[in-house]
Amino acid sequence: CDENDWKPLYYRVDRIVNIVEHRKRFEI
């Protein structure tokens, strides 16, 4: 969200220990 280069990043799902959902929706 804090970058404008639209470079896709990869995150292993099993290494994500917490997920916080924000009210903001995004558009591609």
ModelCIF file with pLDDT and N, C-alpha, C, O atoms, coordinates in Angstrom:
data_MODEL
#
_entry.id   MODEL 
#
_entity.id                         1 
_entity.type                       polymer 
_entity.pdbx_number_of_molecules   1 
#
_entity_poly.entity_id                      1 
_entity_poly.type                           'polypeptide(L)' 
_entity_poly.nstd_linkage                   no 
_entity_poly.nstd_monomer                   no 
_entity_poly.pdbx_seq_one_letter_code       CDENDWKPLYYRVDRIVNIVEHRKRFEI 
_entity_poly.pdbx_seq_one_letter_code_can   CDENDWKPLYYRVDRIVNIVEHRKRFEI 
_entity_poly.pdbx_strand_id                 A 
#
loop_
_entity_poly_seq.entity_id 
_entity_poly_seq.num 
_entity_poly_seq.mon_id 
_entity_poly_seq.hetero 
1 1  CYS n 
1 2  ASP n 
1 3  GLU n 
1 4  ASN n 
1 5  ASP n 
1 6  TRP n 
1 7  LYS n 
1 8  PRO n 
1 9  LEU n 
1 10 TYR n 
1 11 TYR n 
1 12 ARG n 
1 13 VAL n 
1 14 ASP n 
1 15 ARG n 
1 16 ILE n 
1 17 VAL n 
1 18 ASN n 
1 19 ILE n 
1 20 VAL n 
1 21 GLU n 
1 22 HIS n 
1 23 ARG n 
1 24 LYS n 
1 25 ARG n 
1 26 PHE n 
1 27 GLU n 
1 28 ILE n 
#
_struct_asym.id          A 
_struct_asym.entity_id   1 
#
loop_
_ma_qa_metric.id 
_ma_qa_metric.mode 
_ma_qa_metric.name 
_ma_qa_metric.software_group_id 
_ma_qa_metric.type 
1 global pLDDT . pLDDT 
2 local  pLDDT . pLDDT 
#
_ma_qa_metric_global.metric_id      1 
_ma_qa_metric_global.metric_value   89.25 
_ma_qa_metric_global.model_id       1 
_ma_qa_metric_global.ordinal_id     1 
#
loop_
_ma_qa_metric_local.label_asym_id 
_ma_qa_metric_local.label_comp_id 
_ma_qa_metric_local.label_seq_id 
_ma_qa_metric_local.metric_id 
_ma_qa_metric_local.metric_value 
_ma_qa_metric_local.model_id 
_ma_qa_metric_local.ordinal_id 
A CYS 1  2 90.00 1 1  
A ASP 2  2 85.00 1 2  
A GLU 3  2 81.00 1 3  
A ASN 4  2 79.00 1 4  
A ASP 5  2 76.00 1 5  
A TRP 6  2 79.00 1 6  
A LYS 7  2 81.00 1 7  
A PRO 8  2 82.00 1 8  
A LEU 9  2 86.00 1 9  
A TYR 10 2 87.00 1 10 
A TYR 11 2 93.00 1 11 
A ARG 12 2 92.00 1 12 
A VAL 13 2 94.00 1 13 
A ASP 14 2 93.00 1 14 
A ARG 15 2 94.00 1 15 
A ILE 16 2 96.00 1 16 
A VAL 17 2 96.00 1 17 
A ASN 18 2 96.00 1 18 
A ILE 19 2 96.00 1 19 
A VAL 20 2 96.00 1 20 
A GLU 21 2 96.00 1 21 
A HIS 22 2 96.00 1 22 
A ARG 23 2 93.00 1 23 
A LYS 24 2 93.00 1 24 
A ARG 25 2 93.00 1 25 
A PHE 26 2 90.00 1 26 
A GLU 27 2 86.00 1 27 
A ILE 28 2 80.00 1 28 
#
loop_
_atom_site.group_PDB 
_atom_site.id 
_atom_site.type_symbol 
_atom_site.label_atom_id 
_atom_site.label_alt_id 
_atom_site.label_comp_id 
_atom_site.label_asym_id 
_atom_site.label_entity_id 
_atom_site.label_seq_id 
_atom_site.pdbx_PDB_ins_code 
_atom_site.Cartn_x 
_atom_site.Cartn_y 
_atom_site.Cartn_z 
_atom_site.occupancy 
_atom_site.B_iso_or_equiv 
_atom_site.pdbx_formal_charge 
_atom_site.auth_seq_id 
_atom_site.auth_comp_id 
_atom_site.auth_asym_id 
_atom_site.auth_atom_id 
_atom_site.pdbx_PDB_model_num 
ATOM 1   N N  . CYS A 1 1  ? 0.817   -1.209  0.000   1.00 90.00 ? 1  CYS A N  1 
ATOM 2   C CA . CYS A 1 1  ? 0.000   0.000   0.000   1.00 90.00 ? 1  CYS A CA 1 
ATOM 3   C C  . CYS A 1 1  ? 0.855   1.265   0.000   1.00 90.00 ? 1  CYS A C  1 
ATOM 4   O O  . CYS A 1 1  ? 0.415   2.312   -0.476  1.00 90.00 ? 1  CYS A O  1 
ATOM 5   N N  . ASP A 1 2  ? 2.071   1.173   0.530   1.00 85.00 ? 2  ASP A N  1 
ATOM 6   C CA . ASP A 1 2  ? 2.924   2.355   0.630   1.00 85.00 ? 2  ASP A CA 1 
ATOM 7   C C  . ASP A 1 2  ? 3.918   2.468   -0.519  1.00 85.00 ? 2  ASP A C  1 
ATOM 8   O O  . ASP A 1 2  ? 4.859   3.258   -0.446  1.00 85.00 ? 2  ASP A O  1 
ATOM 9   N N  . GLU A 1 3  ? 3.719   1.682   -1.587  1.00 81.00 ? 3  GLU A N  1 
ATOM 10  C CA . GLU A 1 3  ? 4.574   1.751   -2.771  1.00 81.00 ? 3  GLU A CA 1 
ATOM 11  C C  . GLU A 1 3  ? 3.701   1.976   -4.002  1.00 81.00 ? 3  GLU A C  1 
ATOM 12  O O  . GLU A 1 3  ? 2.556   1.527   -4.052  1.00 81.00 ? 3  GLU A O  1 
ATOM 13  N N  . ASN A 1 4  ? 4.243   2.666   -4.978  1.00 79.00 ? 4  ASN A N  1 
ATOM 14  C CA . ASN A 1 4  ? 3.490   2.943   -6.203  1.00 79.00 ? 4  ASN A CA 1 
ATOM 15  C C  . ASN A 1 4  ? 4.058   2.227   -7.420  1.00 79.00 ? 4  ASN A C  1 
ATOM 16  O O  . ASN A 1 4  ? 3.676   2.527   -8.551  1.00 79.00 ? 4  ASN A O  1 
ATOM 17  N N  . ASP A 1 5  ? 4.968   1.281   -7.197  1.00 76.00 ? 5  ASP A N  1 
ATOM 18  C CA . ASP A 1 5  ? 5.597   0.631   -8.351  1.00 76.00 ? 5  ASP A CA 1 
ATOM 19  C C  . ASP A 1 5  ? 4.802   -0.577  -8.857  1.00 76.00 ? 5  ASP A C  1 
ATOM 20  O O  . ASP A 1 5  ? 5.134   -1.143  -9.898  1.00 76.00 ? 5  ASP A O  1 
ATOM 21  N N  . TRP A 1 6  ? 3.739   -0.977  -8.115  1.00 79.00 ? 6  TRP A N  1 
ATOM 22  C CA . TRP A 1 6  ? 2.902   -2.110  -8.504  1.00 79.00 ? 6  TRP A CA 1 
ATOM 23  C C  . TRP A 1 6  ? 3.742   -3.364  -8.754  1.00 79.00 ? 6  TRP A C  1 
ATOM 24  O O  . TRP A 1 6  ? 3.501   -4.124  -9.692  1.00 79.00 ? 6  TRP A O  1 
ATOM 25  N N  . LYS A 1 7  ? 4.718   -3.550  -7.898  1.00 81.00 ? 7  LYS A N  1 
ATOM 26  C CA . LYS A 1 7  ? 5.561   -4.751  -7.987  1.00 81.00 ? 7  LYS A CA 1 
ATOM 27  C C  . LYS A 1 7  ? 4.943   -5.834  -7.110  1.00 81.00 ? 7  LYS A C  1 
ATOM 28  O O  . LYS A 1 7  ? 4.815   -5.638  -5.902  1.00 81.00 ? 7  LYS A O  1 
ATOM 29  N N  . PRO A 1 8  ? 4.552   -6.981  -7.689  1.00 82.00 ? 8  PRO A N  1 
ATOM 30  C CA . PRO A 1 8  ? 3.942   -8.039  -6.860  1.00 82.00 ? 8  PRO A CA 1 
ATOM 31  C C  . PRO A 1 8  ? 4.961   -8.654  -5.906  1.00 82.00 ? 8  PRO A C  1 
ATOM 32  O O  . PRO A 1 8  ? 6.090   -8.964  -6.287  1.00 82.00 ? 8  PRO A O  1 
ATOM 33  N N  . LEU A 1 9  ? 4.535   -8.821  -4.659  1.00 86.00 ? 9  LEU A N  1 
ATOM 34  C CA . LEU A 1 9  ? 5.373   -9.434  -3.632  1.00 86.00 ? 9  LEU A CA 1 
ATOM 35  C C  . LEU A 1 9  ? 4.734   -10.739 -3.183  1.00 86.00 ? 9  LEU A C  1 
ATOM 36  O O  . LEU A 1 9  ? 3.511   -10.879 -3.206  1.00 86.00 ? 9  LEU A O  1 
ATOM 37  N N  . TYR A 1 10 ? 5.573   -11.704 -2.769  1.00 87.00 ? 10 TYR A N  1 
ATOM 38  C CA . TYR A 1 10 ? 5.098   -13.031 -2.396  1.00 87.00 ? 10 TYR A CA 1 
ATOM 39  C C  . TYR A 1 10 ? 5.299   -13.257 -0.904  1.00 87.00 ? 10 TYR A C  1 
ATOM 40  O O  . TYR A 1 10 ? 6.382   -13.034 -0.364  1.00 87.00 ? 10 TYR A O  1 
ATOM 41  N N  . TYR A 1 11 ? 4.232   -13.704 -0.252  1.00 93.00 ? 11 TYR A N  1 
ATOM 42  C CA . TYR A 1 11 ? 4.283   -13.995 1.173   1.00 93.00 ? 11 TYR A CA 1 
ATOM 43  C C  . TYR A 1 11 ? 3.821   -15.429 1.403   1.00 93.00 ? 11 TYR A C  1 
ATOM 44  O O  . TYR A 1 11 ? 2.726   -15.802 0.982   1.00 93.00 ? 11 TYR A O  1 
ATOM 45  N N  . ARG A 1 12 ? 4.639   -16.228 2.062   1.00 92.00 ? 12 ARG A N  1 
ATOM 46  C CA . ARG A 1 12 ? 4.200   -17.581 2.388   1.00 92.00 ? 12 ARG A CA 1 
ATOM 47  C C  . ARG A 1 12 ? 3.080   -17.503 3.419   1.00 92.00 ? 12 ARG A C  1 
ATOM 48  O O  . ARG A 1 12 ? 3.229   -16.881 4.471   1.00 92.00 ? 12 ARG A O  1 
ATOM 49  N N  . VAL A 1 13 ? 1.965   -18.140 3.104   1.00 94.00 ? 13 VAL A N  1 
ATOM 50  C CA . VAL A 1 13 ? 0.777   -18.044 3.957   1.00 94.00 ? 13 VAL A CA 1 
ATOM 51  C C  . VAL A 1 13 ? 1.036   -18.599 5.351   1.00 94.00 ? 13 VAL A C  1 
ATOM 52  O O  . VAL A 1 13 ? 0.494   -18.081 6.327   1.00 94.00 ? 13 VAL A O  1 
ATOM 53  N N  . ASP A 1 14 ? 1.857   -19.645 5.465   1.00 93.00 ? 14 ASP A N  1 
ATOM 54  C CA . ASP A 1 14 ? 2.111   -20.251 6.776   1.00 93.00 ? 14 ASP A CA 1 
ATOM 55  C C  . ASP A 1 14 ? 3.005   -19.383 7.660   1.00 93.00 ? 14 ASP A C  1 
ATOM 56  O O  . ASP A 1 14 ? 3.128   -19.647 8.857   1.00 93.00 ? 14 ASP A O  1 
ATOM 57  N N  . ARG A 1 15 ? 3.628   -18.355 7.091   1.00 94.00 ? 15 ARG A N  1 
ATOM 58  C CA . ARG A 1 15 ? 4.451   -17.443 7.891   1.00 94.00 ? 15 ARG A CA 1 
ATOM 59  C C  . ARG A 1 15 ? 3.691   -16.204 8.335   1.00 94.00 ? 15 ARG A C  1 
ATOM 60  O O  . ARG A 1 15 ? 4.229   -15.372 9.066   1.00 94.00 ? 15 ARG A O  1 
ATOM 61  N N  . ILE A 1 16 ? 2.449   -16.078 7.899   1.00 96.00 ? 16 ILE A N  1 
ATOM 62  C CA . ILE A 1 16 ? 1.613   -14.945 8.328   1.00 96.00 ? 16 ILE A CA 1 
ATOM 63  C C  . ILE A 1 16 ? 0.962   -15.317 9.656   1.00 96.00 ? 16 ILE A C  1 
ATOM 64  O O  . ILE A 1 16 ? 0.125   -16.218 9.713   1.00 96.00 ? 16 ILE A O  1 
ATOM 65  N N  . VAL A 1 17 ? 1.347   -14.626 10.715  1.00 96.00 ? 17 VAL A N  1 
ATOM 66  C CA . VAL A 1 17 ? 0.870   -15.004 12.049  1.00 96.00 ? 17 VAL A CA 1 
ATOM 67  C C  . VAL A 1 17 ? -0.312  -14.151 12.513  1.00 96.00 ? 17 VAL A C  1 
ATOM 68  O O  . VAL A 1 17 ? -0.976  -14.485 13.495  1.00 96.00 ? 17 VAL A O  1 
ATOM 69  N N  . ASN A 1 18 ? -0.573  -13.049 11.805  1.00 96.00 ? 18 ASN A N  1 
ATOM 70  C CA . ASN A 1 18 ? -1.727  -12.221 12.180  1.00 96.00 ? 18 ASN A CA 1 
ATOM 71  C C  . ASN A 1 18 ? -2.189  -11.426 10.958  1.00 96.00 ? 18 ASN A C  1 
ATOM 72  O O  . ASN A 1 18 ? -1.376  -10.943 10.170  1.00 96.00 ? 18 ASN A O  1 
ATOM 73  N N  . ILE A 1 19 ? -3.498  -11.303 10.819  1.00 96.00 ? 19 ILE A N  1 
ATOM 74  C CA . ILE A 1 19 ? -4.094  -10.556 9.703   1.00 96.00 ? 19 ILE A CA 1 
ATOM 75  C C  . ILE A 1 19 ? -5.098  -9.567  10.275  1.00 96.00 ? 19 ILE A C  1 
ATOM 76  O O  . ILE A 1 19 ? -6.018  -9.959  10.993  1.00 96.00 ? 19 ILE A O  1 
ATOM 77  N N  . VAL A 1 20 ? -4.927  -8.286  9.959   1.00 96.00 ? 20 VAL A N  1 
ATOM 78  C CA . VAL A 1 20 ? -5.862  -7.244  10.381  1.00 96.00 ? 20 VAL A CA 1 
ATOM 79  C C  . VAL A 1 20 ? -6.541  -6.687  9.136   1.00 96.00 ? 20 VAL A C  1 
ATOM 80  O O  . VAL A 1 20 ? -5.873  -6.230  8.208   1.00 96.00 ? 20 VAL A O  1 
ATOM 81  N N  . GLU A 1 21 ? -7.876  -6.728  9.120   1.00 96.00 ? 21 GLU A N  1 
ATOM 82  C CA . GLU A 1 21 ? -8.629  -6.199  7.989   1.00 96.00 ? 21 GLU A CA 1 
ATOM 83  C C  . GLU A 1 21 ? -8.974  -4.728  8.246   1.00 96.00 ? 21 GLU A C  1 
ATOM 84  O O  . GLU A 1 21 ? -9.450  -4.365  9.321   1.00 96.00 ? 21 GLU A O  1 
ATOM 85  N N  . HIS A 1 22 ? -8.725  -3.897  7.239   1.00 96.00 ? 22 HIS A N  1 
ATOM 86  C CA . HIS A 1 22 ? -9.041  -2.474  7.345   1.00 96.00 ? 22 HIS A CA 1 
ATOM 87  C C  . HIS A 1 22 ? -10.362 -2.170  6.657   1.00 96.00 ? 22 HIS A C  1 
ATOM 88  O O  . HIS A 1 22 ? -10.859 -2.967  5.862   1.00 96.00 ? 22 HIS A O  1 
ATOM 89  N N  . ARG A 1 23 ? -10.914 -1.033  6.964   1.00 93.00 ? 23 ARG A N  1 
ATOM 90  C CA . ARG A 1 23 ? -12.182 -0.640  6.356   1.00 93.00 ? 23 ARG A CA 1 
ATOM 91  C C  . ARG A 1 23 ? -11.999 -0.201  4.908   1.00 93.00 ? 23 ARG A C  1 
ATOM 92  O O  . ARG A 1 23 ? -12.949 -0.204  4.126   1.00 93.00 ? 23 ARG A O  1 
ATOM 93  N N  . LYS A 1 24 ? -10.796 0.170   4.563   1.00 93.00 ? 24 LYS A N  1 
ATOM 94  C CA . LYS A 1 24 ? -10.535 0.708   3.228   1.00 93.00 ? 24 LYS A CA 1 
ATOM 95  C C  . LYS A 1 24 ? -10.534 -0.396  2.168   1.00 93.00 ? 24 LYS A C  1 
ATOM 96  O O  . LYS A 1 24 ? -9.913  -1.444  2.348   1.00 93.00 ? 24 LYS A O  1 
ATOM 97  N N  . ARG A 1 25 ? -11.232 -0.146  1.069   1.00 93.00 ? 25 ARG A N  1 
ATOM 98  C CA . ARG A 1 25 ? -11.199 -1.030  -0.088  1.00 93.00 ? 25 ARG A CA 1 
ATOM 99  C C  . ARG A 1 25 ? -10.198 -0.481  -1.095  1.00 93.00 ? 25 ARG A C  1 
ATOM 100 O O  . ARG A 1 25 ? -9.953  0.724   -1.142  1.00 93.00 ? 25 ARG A O  1 
ATOM 101 N N  . PHE A 1 26 ? -9.622  -1.368  -1.898  1.00 90.00 ? 26 PHE A N  1 
ATOM 102 C CA . PHE A 1 26 ? -8.646  -0.918  -2.896  1.00 90.00 ? 26 PHE A CA 1 
ATOM 103 C C  . PHE A 1 26 ? -9.112  -1.264  -4.300  1.00 90.00 ? 26 PHE A C  1 
ATOM 104 O O  . PHE A 1 26 ? -9.953  -2.140  -4.502  1.00 90.00 ? 26 PHE A O  1 
ATOM 105 N N  . GLU A 1 27 ? -8.549  -0.560  -5.251  1.00 86.00 ? 27 GLU A N  1 
ATOM 106 C CA . GLU A 1 27 ? -8.787  -0.833  -6.661  1.00 86.00 ? 27 GLU A CA 1 
ATOM 107 C C  . GLU A 1 27 ? -7.450  -1.050  -7.354  1.00 86.00 ? 27 GLU A C  1 
ATOM 108 O O  . GLU A 1 27 ? -6.461  -0.390  -7.036  1.00 86.00 ? 27 GLU A O  1 
ATOM 109 N N  . ILE A 1 28 ? -7.428  -1.984  -8.308  1.00 80.00 ? 28 ILE A N  1 
ATOM 110 C CA . ILE A 1 28 ? -6.205  -2.253  -9.063  1.00 80.00 ? 28 ILE A CA 1 
ATOM 111 C C  . ILE A 1 28 ? -6.213  -1.395  -10.320 1.00 80.00 ? 28 ILE A C  1 
ATOM 112 O O  . ILE A 1 28 ? -5.275  -1.456  -11.114 1.00 80.00 ? 28 ILE A O  1 
#
